[in-house]
Amino acid sequence: ADVDQAKQDGASPLYIACQNGHVGVVRYLLRESPRQPDRDQANSNQATPLFIASQKGHDAIVELLLRGPGPADVNKPLKSGATPLYIASLKGHGGVVQRLHASGACLNSTPKHGATAVSAAVQNDHTEVLEILIQMKADVRKANCEQMTPLHFAAREGKLEMAKLLIQVR
């Protein structure tokens, strides 16, 4: 069987296993399969196995994709510019955020609309992720294309704890 054969939407067997959290299948494909799958093969939306695993919060799968020969591209974006780190921050997956950063993910990259991982965490009230990003020295002052910073989002949405955390950063 072809380990990279994609469905009509571009999803490979590796992508589908990552999407559904099937660690055993992912481990087999990456470590024991006679032919290694392309870890960066994207679907029709440019989402890679790493992107979907990050979105779903599948920490063990993210680790598998980032280890070994030919690790996944930790900064490969969607057409929109969203990266695995951005989506993990948006969805509140702190462990995934830490793992991606440890593998070289850019903390301050922005999708086309200009929001950062920090803004995504603030807007979605993910305090733990914001604390992790601050600890990693992410830029908490970076504005989006409308010149809104993470603090603007916290103020607009009445997120007092987020505002306090952002203001304390020097």
N, C-alpha and C. Protein backbone atom coordinates (compact mmCIF):
# COMPACT_ATOMS: atom_id res chain seq x y z
N ALA A 1 0.84 -1.19 0.00
CA ALA A 1 0.00 0.00 0.00
C ALA A 1 0.88 1.25 0.00
N ASP A 2 0.39 2.31 -0.60
CA ASP A 2 1.12 3.58 -0.68
C ASP A 2 0.82 4.41 0.57
N VAL A 3 1.83 4.61 1.41
CA VAL A 3 1.63 5.33 2.67
C VAL A 3 1.32 6.81 2.47
N ASP A 4 1.57 7.34 1.27
CA ASP A 4 1.28 8.75 1.00
C ASP A 4 0.06 8.96 0.11
N GLN A 5 -0.64 7.87 -0.24
CA GLN A 5 -1.81 8.03 -1.11
C GLN A 5 -2.86 8.85 -0.38
N ALA A 6 -3.31 9.90 -1.04
CA ALA A 6 -4.26 10.82 -0.42
C ALA A 6 -5.67 10.60 -0.93
N LYS A 7 -6.63 10.94 -0.07
CA LYS A 7 -8.04 10.96 -0.48
C LYS A 7 -8.25 12.18 -1.38
N GLN A 8 -9.46 12.37 -1.84
CA GLN A 8 -9.79 13.48 -2.72
C GLN A 8 -9.46 14.83 -2.08
N ASP A 9 -9.61 14.93 -0.75
CA ASP A 9 -9.32 16.19 -0.05
C ASP A 9 -7.84 16.35 0.30
N GLY A 10 -7.02 15.40 -0.13
CA GLY A 10 -5.59 15.48 0.11
C GLY A 10 -5.11 14.83 1.39
N ALA A 11 -6.01 14.28 2.18
CA ALA A 11 -5.62 13.68 3.46
C ALA A 11 -4.97 12.32 3.24
N SER A 12 -3.77 12.17 3.78
CA SER A 12 -3.03 10.91 3.71
C SER A 12 -3.40 10.02 4.90
N PRO A 13 -3.01 8.75 4.86
CA PRO A 13 -3.24 7.90 6.04
C PRO A 13 -2.62 8.49 7.32
N LEU A 14 -1.42 9.07 7.21
CA LEU A 14 -0.78 9.68 8.38
C LEU A 14 -1.62 10.84 8.90
N TYR A 15 -2.11 11.68 8.01
CA TYR A 15 -2.95 12.82 8.40
C TYR A 15 -4.20 12.33 9.15
N ILE A 16 -4.85 11.33 8.60
CA ILE A 16 -6.09 10.82 9.21
C ILE A 16 -5.82 10.23 10.59
N ALA A 17 -4.72 9.48 10.73
CA ALA A 17 -4.37 8.92 12.04
C ALA A 17 -4.07 10.04 13.04
N CYS A 18 -3.38 11.09 12.59
CA CYS A 18 -3.08 12.23 13.46
C CYS A 18 -4.36 12.96 13.87
N GLN A 19 -5.24 13.16 12.93
CA GLN A 19 -6.50 13.85 13.19
C GLN A 19 -7.34 13.13 14.24
N ASN A 20 -7.31 11.82 14.19
CA ASN A 20 -8.17 11.03 15.08
C ASN A 20 -7.47 10.55 16.34
N GLY A 21 -6.22 10.96 16.54
CA GLY A 21 -5.53 10.64 17.78
C GLY A 21 -5.06 9.21 17.92
N HIS A 22 -4.83 8.53 16.82
CA HIS A 22 -4.43 7.13 16.85
C HIS A 22 -2.90 7.01 16.94
N VAL A 23 -2.40 7.11 18.16
CA VAL A 23 -0.96 7.13 18.42
C VAL A 23 -0.28 5.87 17.88
N GLY A 24 -0.88 4.71 18.09
CA GLY A 24 -0.28 3.46 17.64
C GLY A 24 -0.09 3.42 16.13
N VAL A 25 -1.08 3.88 15.39
CA VAL A 25 -0.97 3.90 13.92
C VAL A 25 0.11 4.89 13.49
N VAL A 26 0.11 6.07 14.10
CA VAL A 26 1.13 7.07 13.77
C VAL A 26 2.52 6.52 14.07
N ARG A 27 2.69 5.93 15.24
CA ARG A 27 3.99 5.36 15.62
C ARG A 27 4.43 4.30 14.60
N TYR A 28 3.52 3.42 14.22
CA TYR A 28 3.87 2.39 13.23
C TYR A 28 4.29 3.03 11.91
N LEU A 29 3.48 3.96 11.41
CA LEU A 29 3.80 4.59 10.13
C LEU A 29 5.16 5.28 10.15
N LEU A 30 5.47 5.93 11.26
CA LEU A 30 6.72 6.71 11.34
C LEU A 30 7.94 5.87 11.70
N ARG A 31 7.76 4.79 12.43
CA ARG A 31 8.92 4.04 12.93
C ARG A 31 9.13 2.68 12.29
N GLU A 32 8.05 2.01 11.92
CA GLU A 32 8.17 0.62 11.51
C GLU A 32 7.76 0.34 10.08
N SER A 33 7.06 1.27 9.47
CA SER A 33 6.62 1.06 8.10
C SER A 33 7.83 0.92 7.18
N PRO A 34 7.78 -0.02 6.23
CA PRO A 34 8.90 -0.18 5.31
C PRO A 34 9.21 1.10 4.53
N ARG A 35 8.21 1.92 4.31
CA ARG A 35 8.40 3.19 3.61
C ARG A 35 7.89 4.31 4.50
N GLN A 36 8.72 5.28 4.78
CA GLN A 36 8.34 6.40 5.64
C GLN A 36 7.37 7.34 4.92
N PRO A 37 6.29 7.72 5.58
CA PRO A 37 5.37 8.68 4.97
C PRO A 37 5.96 10.09 5.00
N ASP A 38 5.46 10.94 4.14
CA ASP A 38 5.86 12.35 4.11
C ASP A 38 5.18 13.05 5.28
N ARG A 39 5.95 13.46 6.27
CA ARG A 39 5.39 14.10 7.46
C ARG A 39 4.78 15.47 7.18
N ASP A 40 5.15 16.07 6.06
CA ASP A 40 4.65 17.41 5.72
C ASP A 40 3.63 17.40 4.59
N GLN A 41 3.14 16.22 4.21
CA GLN A 41 2.14 16.16 3.14
C GLN A 41 0.85 16.81 3.63
N ALA A 42 0.44 17.86 2.93
CA ALA A 42 -0.72 18.65 3.35
C ALA A 42 -1.98 18.24 2.61
N ASN A 43 -3.12 18.52 3.24
CA ASN A 43 -4.39 18.30 2.57
C ASN A 43 -4.71 19.51 1.69
N SER A 44 -5.91 19.58 1.15
CA SER A 44 -6.27 20.66 0.23
C SER A 44 -6.28 22.04 0.89
N ASN A 45 -6.34 22.10 2.20
CA ASN A 45 -6.29 23.38 2.92
C ASN A 45 -4.88 23.72 3.38
N GLN A 46 -3.91 22.92 2.96
CA GLN A 46 -2.51 23.06 3.35
C GLN A 46 -2.25 22.64 4.79
N ALA A 47 -3.20 21.96 5.42
CA ALA A 47 -2.99 21.46 6.79
C ALA A 47 -2.16 20.19 6.73
N THR A 48 -1.09 20.17 7.51
CA THR A 48 -0.21 19.01 7.58
C THR A 48 -0.64 18.11 8.75
N PRO A 49 -0.08 16.91 8.83
CA PRO A 49 -0.35 16.08 10.01
C PRO A 49 0.00 16.80 11.32
N LEU A 50 1.10 17.56 11.33
CA LEU A 50 1.48 18.29 12.54
C LEU A 50 0.45 19.36 12.88
N PHE A 51 -0.06 20.05 11.88
CA PHE A 51 -1.07 21.09 12.12
C PHE A 51 -2.32 20.48 12.75
N ILE A 52 -2.82 19.39 12.18
CA ILE A 52 -4.06 18.81 12.70
C ILE A 52 -3.85 18.21 14.08
N ALA A 53 -2.69 17.60 14.33
CA ALA A 53 -2.41 17.06 15.66
C ALA A 53 -2.31 18.18 16.68
N SER A 54 -1.74 19.32 16.28
CA SER A 54 -1.64 20.49 17.17
C SER A 54 -3.02 21.06 17.45
N GLN A 55 -3.85 21.13 16.43
CA GLN A 55 -5.21 21.65 16.59
C GLN A 55 -6.03 20.78 17.54
N LYS A 56 -5.86 19.49 17.44
CA LYS A 56 -6.64 18.56 18.25
C LYS A 56 -6.04 18.33 19.64
N GLY A 57 -4.81 18.83 19.87
CA GLY A 57 -4.19 18.67 21.18
C GLY A 57 -3.61 17.29 21.42
N HIS A 58 -3.23 16.60 20.36
CA HIS A 58 -2.66 15.26 20.47
C HIS A 58 -1.15 15.36 20.73
N ASP A 59 -0.80 15.61 21.97
CA ASP A 59 0.58 15.88 22.37
C ASP A 59 1.54 14.75 22.01
N ALA A 60 1.16 13.51 22.26
CA ALA A 60 2.04 12.38 21.97
C ALA A 60 2.30 12.26 20.47
N ILE A 61 1.30 12.57 19.67
CA ILE A 61 1.46 12.52 18.21
C ILE A 61 2.36 13.65 17.74
N VAL A 62 2.17 14.84 18.31
CA VAL A 62 3.04 15.97 17.97
C VAL A 62 4.49 15.58 18.24
N GLU A 63 4.74 14.97 19.39
CA GLU A 63 6.10 14.54 19.73
C GLU A 63 6.65 13.56 18.69
N LEU A 64 5.86 12.59 18.28
CA LEU A 64 6.30 11.62 17.28
C LEU A 64 6.64 12.29 15.95
N LEU A 65 5.82 13.25 15.55
CA LEU A 65 6.04 13.93 14.27
C LEU A 65 7.30 14.79 14.28
N LEU A 66 7.68 15.27 15.45
CA LEU A 66 8.83 16.17 15.56
C LEU A 66 10.14 15.44 15.84
N ARG A 67 10.08 14.15 16.13
CA ARG A 67 11.28 13.36 16.44
C ARG A 67 11.69 12.52 15.24
N GLY A 68 12.90 12.02 15.34
CA GLY A 68 13.37 11.05 14.37
C GLY A 68 13.85 11.65 13.07
N PRO A 69 14.18 10.78 12.13
CA PRO A 69 14.68 11.27 10.84
C PRO A 69 13.58 11.99 10.07
N GLY A 70 13.93 13.10 9.49
CA GLY A 70 12.96 13.86 8.70
C GLY A 70 11.81 14.39 9.50
N PRO A 71 12.07 15.12 10.59
CA PRO A 71 10.96 15.63 11.41
C PRO A 71 10.06 16.58 10.61
N ALA A 72 8.83 16.72 11.06
CA ALA A 72 7.88 17.62 10.42
C ALA A 72 8.37 19.06 10.51
N ASP A 73 7.98 19.87 9.53
CA ASP A 73 8.30 21.30 9.52
C ASP A 73 7.42 21.99 10.56
N VAL A 74 8.02 22.42 11.65
CA VAL A 74 7.28 22.97 12.79
C VAL A 74 6.63 24.32 12.47
N ASN A 75 7.08 25.01 11.43
CA ASN A 75 6.54 26.33 11.09
C ASN A 75 5.76 26.36 9.78
N LYS A 76 5.42 25.21 9.22
CA LYS A 76 4.70 25.18 7.94
C LYS A 76 3.27 25.70 8.14
N PRO A 77 2.91 26.79 7.43
CA PRO A 77 1.59 27.39 7.64
C PRO A 77 0.52 26.86 6.68
N LEU A 78 -0.72 27.14 7.04
CA LEU A 78 -1.84 26.95 6.13
C LEU A 78 -1.79 28.06 5.08
N LYS A 79 -2.71 28.02 4.11
CA LYS A 79 -2.82 29.12 3.14
C LYS A 79 -3.07 30.44 3.86
N SER A 80 -3.79 30.39 4.96
CA SER A 80 -4.12 31.59 5.74
C SER A 80 -2.92 32.14 6.51
N GLY A 81 -1.86 31.34 6.60
CA GLY A 81 -0.69 31.74 7.37
C GLY A 81 -0.66 31.18 8.78
N ALA A 82 -1.74 30.55 9.21
CA ALA A 82 -1.78 29.97 10.56
C ALA A 82 -0.79 28.82 10.67
N THR A 83 -0.04 28.79 11.76
CA THR A 83 0.96 27.75 12.00
C THR A 83 0.46 26.77 13.07
N PRO A 84 1.15 25.65 13.24
CA PRO A 84 0.78 24.74 14.32
C PRO A 84 0.78 25.42 15.70
N LEU A 85 1.76 26.30 15.96
CA LEU A 85 1.81 26.99 17.25
C LEU A 85 0.61 27.91 17.43
N TYR A 86 0.24 28.61 16.37
CA TYR A 86 -0.92 29.51 16.44
C TYR A 86 -2.18 28.71 16.76
N ILE A 87 -2.41 27.61 16.05
CA ILE A 87 -3.65 26.85 16.27
C ILE A 87 -3.65 26.19 17.64
N ALA A 88 -2.51 25.72 18.12
CA ALA A 88 -2.44 25.13 19.46
C ALA A 88 -2.76 26.18 20.52
N SER A 89 -2.29 27.41 20.30
CA SER A 89 -2.59 28.52 21.23
C SER A 89 -4.06 28.87 21.19
N LEU A 90 -4.62 28.93 20.00
CA LEU A 90 -6.03 29.24 19.81
C LEU A 90 -6.93 28.22 20.51
N LYS A 91 -6.53 26.96 20.46
CA LYS A 91 -7.33 25.88 21.04
C LYS A 91 -7.01 25.60 22.51
N GLY A 92 -5.97 26.23 23.05
CA GLY A 92 -5.66 26.07 24.47
C GLY A 92 -4.85 24.85 24.83
N HIS A 93 -4.03 24.37 23.92
CA HIS A 93 -3.23 23.17 24.16
C HIS A 93 -1.81 23.54 24.61
N GLY A 94 -1.66 23.83 25.90
CA GLY A 94 -0.40 24.29 26.45
C GLY A 94 0.76 23.33 26.27
N GLY A 95 0.52 22.04 26.46
CA GLY A 95 1.57 21.05 26.29
C GLY A 95 2.09 21.02 24.86
N VAL A 96 1.18 21.14 23.91
CA VAL A 96 1.56 21.17 22.49
C VAL A 96 2.35 22.44 22.20
N VAL A 97 1.92 23.57 22.75
CA VAL A 97 2.64 24.84 22.56
C VAL A 97 4.08 24.68 23.04
N GLN A 98 4.27 24.10 24.20
CA GLN A 98 5.63 23.91 24.74
C GLN A 98 6.46 23.00 23.85
N ARG A 99 5.88 21.92 23.39
CA ARG A 99 6.61 20.97 22.54
C ARG A 99 6.99 21.62 21.21
N LEU A 100 6.08 22.37 20.62
CA LEU A 100 6.36 23.04 19.34
C LEU A 100 7.49 24.06 19.51
N HIS A 101 7.43 24.83 20.58
CA HIS A 101 8.47 25.83 20.84
C HIS A 101 9.83 25.15 21.04
N ALA A 102 9.84 24.06 21.78
CA ALA A 102 11.10 23.33 22.02
C ALA A 102 11.69 22.80 20.72
N SER A 103 10.85 22.64 19.71
CA SER A 103 11.32 22.14 18.41
C SER A 103 11.57 23.27 17.41
N GLY A 104 11.53 24.51 17.88
CA GLY A 104 11.89 25.63 17.02
C GLY A 104 10.75 26.42 16.42
N ALA A 105 9.54 26.26 16.92
CA ALA A 105 8.42 27.03 16.38
C ALA A 105 8.62 28.52 16.63
N CYS A 106 8.32 29.31 15.62
CA CYS A 106 8.42 30.76 15.73
C CYS A 106 7.27 31.27 16.60
N LEU A 107 7.61 31.94 17.69
CA LEU A 107 6.60 32.41 18.64
C LEU A 107 5.76 33.56 18.11
N ASN A 108 6.31 34.37 17.23
CA ASN A 108 5.64 35.61 16.84
C ASN A 108 5.17 35.64 15.40
N SER A 109 5.08 34.48 14.74
CA SER A 109 4.58 34.47 13.37
C SER A 109 3.08 34.78 13.40
N THR A 110 2.61 35.30 12.28
CA THR A 110 1.21 35.73 12.23
C THR A 110 0.52 35.22 10.97
N PRO A 111 -0.74 34.79 11.09
CA PRO A 111 -1.53 34.50 9.90
C PRO A 111 -1.76 35.80 9.12
N LYS A 112 -2.42 35.72 7.98
CA LYS A 112 -2.64 36.90 7.13
C LYS A 112 -3.35 38.03 7.86
N HIS A 113 -4.21 37.71 8.82
CA HIS A 113 -4.93 38.76 9.55
C HIS A 113 -4.08 39.39 10.63
N GLY A 114 -2.89 38.85 10.85
CA GLY A 114 -1.93 39.49 11.74
C GLY A 114 -1.98 39.12 13.20
N ALA A 115 -2.89 38.27 13.62
CA ALA A 115 -2.97 37.90 15.04
C ALA A 115 -1.83 36.94 15.39
N THR A 116 -1.29 37.08 16.57
CA THR A 116 -0.22 36.20 17.03
C THR A 116 -0.80 35.08 17.90
N ALA A 117 0.06 34.16 18.29
CA ALA A 117 -0.34 33.10 19.22
C ALA A 117 -0.80 33.72 20.54
N VAL A 118 -0.14 34.81 20.95
CA VAL A 118 -0.53 35.50 22.19
C VAL A 118 -1.96 36.03 22.06
N SER A 119 -2.25 36.70 20.95
CA SER A 119 -3.61 37.22 20.73
C SER A 119 -4.64 36.09 20.71
N ALA A 120 -4.29 34.98 20.08
CA ALA A 120 -5.21 33.84 20.01
C ALA A 120 -5.51 33.31 21.41
N ALA A 121 -4.49 33.20 22.25
CA ALA A 121 -4.69 32.72 23.62
C ALA A 121 -5.56 33.69 24.41
N VAL A 122 -5.31 34.99 24.26
CA VAL A 122 -6.09 36.01 24.98
C VAL A 122 -7.55 35.97 24.55
N GLN A 123 -7.79 36.00 23.25
CA GLN A 123 -9.16 36.05 22.74
C GLN A 123 -9.99 34.83 23.15
N ASN A 124 -9.32 33.71 23.35
CA ASN A 124 -10.03 32.49 23.69
C ASN A 124 -9.91 32.12 25.16
N ASP A 125 -9.40 33.07 25.95
CA ASP A 125 -9.35 32.94 27.41
C ASP A 125 -8.54 31.73 27.88
N HIS A 126 -7.40 31.49 27.23
CA HIS A 126 -6.52 30.38 27.60
C HIS A 126 -5.37 30.93 28.44
N THR A 127 -5.63 31.14 29.72
CA THR A 127 -4.65 31.73 30.64
C THR A 127 -3.38 30.90 30.71
N GLU A 128 -3.50 29.59 30.81
CA GLU A 128 -2.31 28.73 30.90
C GLU A 128 -1.42 28.92 29.67
N VAL A 129 -2.03 28.96 28.49
CA VAL A 129 -1.24 29.14 27.27
C VAL A 129 -0.59 30.51 27.25
N LEU A 130 -1.32 31.54 27.67
CA LEU A 130 -0.73 32.88 27.73
C LEU A 130 0.47 32.89 28.67
N GLU A 131 0.34 32.27 29.82
CA GLU A 131 1.47 32.21 30.77
C GLU A 131 2.67 31.49 30.16
N ILE A 132 2.42 30.42 29.43
CA ILE A 132 3.49 29.68 28.76
C ILE A 132 4.17 30.56 27.72
N LEU A 133 3.38 31.24 26.90
CA LEU A 133 3.94 32.10 25.86
C LEU A 133 4.74 33.26 26.45
N ILE A 134 4.26 33.82 27.55
CA ILE A 134 5.00 34.89 28.23
C ILE A 134 6.33 34.35 28.75
N GLN A 135 6.29 33.19 29.36
CA GLN A 135 7.51 32.56 29.89
C GLN A 135 8.52 32.31 28.77
N MET A 136 8.03 32.00 27.58
CA MET A 136 8.89 31.73 26.42
C MET A 136 9.37 33.01 25.74
N LYS A 137 8.94 34.14 26.26
CA LYS A 137 9.35 35.46 25.73
C LYS A 137 8.67 35.82 24.41
N ALA A 138 7.43 35.38 24.22
CA ALA A 138 6.67 35.80 23.04
C ALA A 138 6.40 37.30 23.14
N ASP A 139 6.29 37.95 22.01
CA ASP A 139 6.04 39.39 21.96
C ASP A 139 4.57 39.67 22.30
N VAL A 140 4.32 40.22 23.48
CA VAL A 140 2.95 40.49 23.92
C VAL A 140 2.44 41.84 23.42
N ARG A 141 3.30 42.58 22.73
CA ARG A 141 2.92 43.91 22.25
C ARG A 141 2.65 43.96 20.75
N LYS A 142 2.85 42.86 20.07
CA LYS A 142 2.72 42.83 18.61
C LYS A 142 1.25 43.00 18.22
N ALA A 143 1.00 43.95 17.34
CA ALA A 143 -0.36 44.27 16.90
C ALA A 143 -0.73 43.51 15.63
N ASN A 144 -2.03 43.34 15.42
CA ASN A 144 -2.51 42.72 14.19
C ASN A 144 -2.65 43.79 13.10
N CYS A 145 -3.24 43.43 11.96
CA CYS A 145 -3.36 44.36 10.84
C CYS A 145 -4.28 45.55 11.15
N GLU A 146 -5.08 45.46 12.19
CA GLU A 146 -5.94 46.56 12.61
C GLU A 146 -5.34 47.33 13.79
N GLN A 147 -4.05 47.07 14.06
CA GLN A 147 -3.30 47.70 15.15
C GLN A 147 -3.82 47.36 16.54
N MET A 148 -4.46 46.21 16.66
CA MET A 148 -4.93 45.73 17.97
C MET A 148 -3.89 44.80 18.56
N THR A 149 -3.45 45.10 19.77
CA THR A 149 -2.51 44.26 20.49
C THR A 149 -3.30 43.25 21.34
N PRO A 150 -2.62 42.28 21.91
CA PRO A 150 -3.32 41.37 22.83
C PRO A 150 -4.02 42.12 23.97
N LEU A 151 -3.42 43.20 24.46
CA LEU A 151 -4.05 43.98 25.52
C LEU A 151 -5.34 44.63 25.03
N HIS A 152 -5.38 45.08 23.79
CA HIS A 152 -6.62 45.62 23.23
C HIS A 152 -7.72 44.56 23.26
N PHE A 153 -7.37 43.33 22.87
CA PHE A 153 -8.36 42.24 22.88
C PHE A 153 -8.86 41.97 24.30
N ALA A 154 -7.94 41.93 25.25
CA ALA A 154 -8.33 41.69 26.65
C ALA A 154 -9.27 42.79 27.14
N ALA A 155 -8.96 44.03 26.79
CA ALA A 155 -9.79 45.16 27.22
C ALA A 155 -11.17 45.11 26.55
N ARG A 156 -11.18 44.84 25.25
CA ARG A 156 -12.45 44.80 24.51
C ARG A 156 -13.37 43.71 25.04
N GLU A 157 -12.79 42.58 25.41
CA GLU A 157 -13.60 41.44 25.80
C GLU A 157 -13.74 41.28 27.32
N GLY A 158 -13.22 42.25 28.07
CA GLY A 158 -13.38 42.23 29.52
C GLY A 158 -12.63 41.12 30.22
N LYS A 159 -11.48 40.77 29.72
CA LYS A 159 -10.69 39.67 30.29
C LYS A 159 -9.65 40.25 31.26
N LEU A 160 -10.08 40.48 32.48
CA LEU A 160 -9.26 41.13 33.50
C LEU A 160 -7.97 40.38 33.79
N GLU A 161 -8.05 39.08 34.01
CA GLU A 161 -6.84 38.30 34.33
C GLU A 161 -5.83 38.34 33.19
N MET A 162 -6.34 38.27 31.97
CA MET A 162 -5.45 38.35 30.81
C MET A 162 -4.77 39.73 30.77
N ALA A 163 -5.56 40.77 30.99
CA ALA A 163 -5.00 42.13 30.99
C ALA A 163 -3.91 42.27 32.05
N LYS A 164 -4.16 41.74 33.24
CA LYS A 164 -3.16 41.82 34.31
C LYS A 164 -1.86 41.12 33.91
N LEU A 165 -1.98 39.93 33.34
CA LEU A 165 -0.79 39.19 32.91
C LEU A 165 -0.01 39.97 31.86
N LEU A 166 -0.72 40.53 30.90
CA LEU A 166 -0.06 41.26 29.82
C LEU A 166 0.64 42.52 30.32
N ILE A 167 0.01 43.22 31.23
CA ILE A 167 0.58 44.47 31.76
C ILE A 167 1.82 44.20 32.61
N GLN A 168 1.87 43.05 33.26
CA GLN A 168 3.02 42.71 34.12
C GLN A 168 4.28 42.39 33.33
N VAL A 169 4.14 42.10 32.03
CA VAL A 169 5.31 41.76 31.22
C VAL A 169 6.13 43.01 30.97
N ARG A 170 7.41 42.91 31.21
CA ARG A 170 8.30 44.07 31.01
C ARG A 170 9.01 43.97 29.69
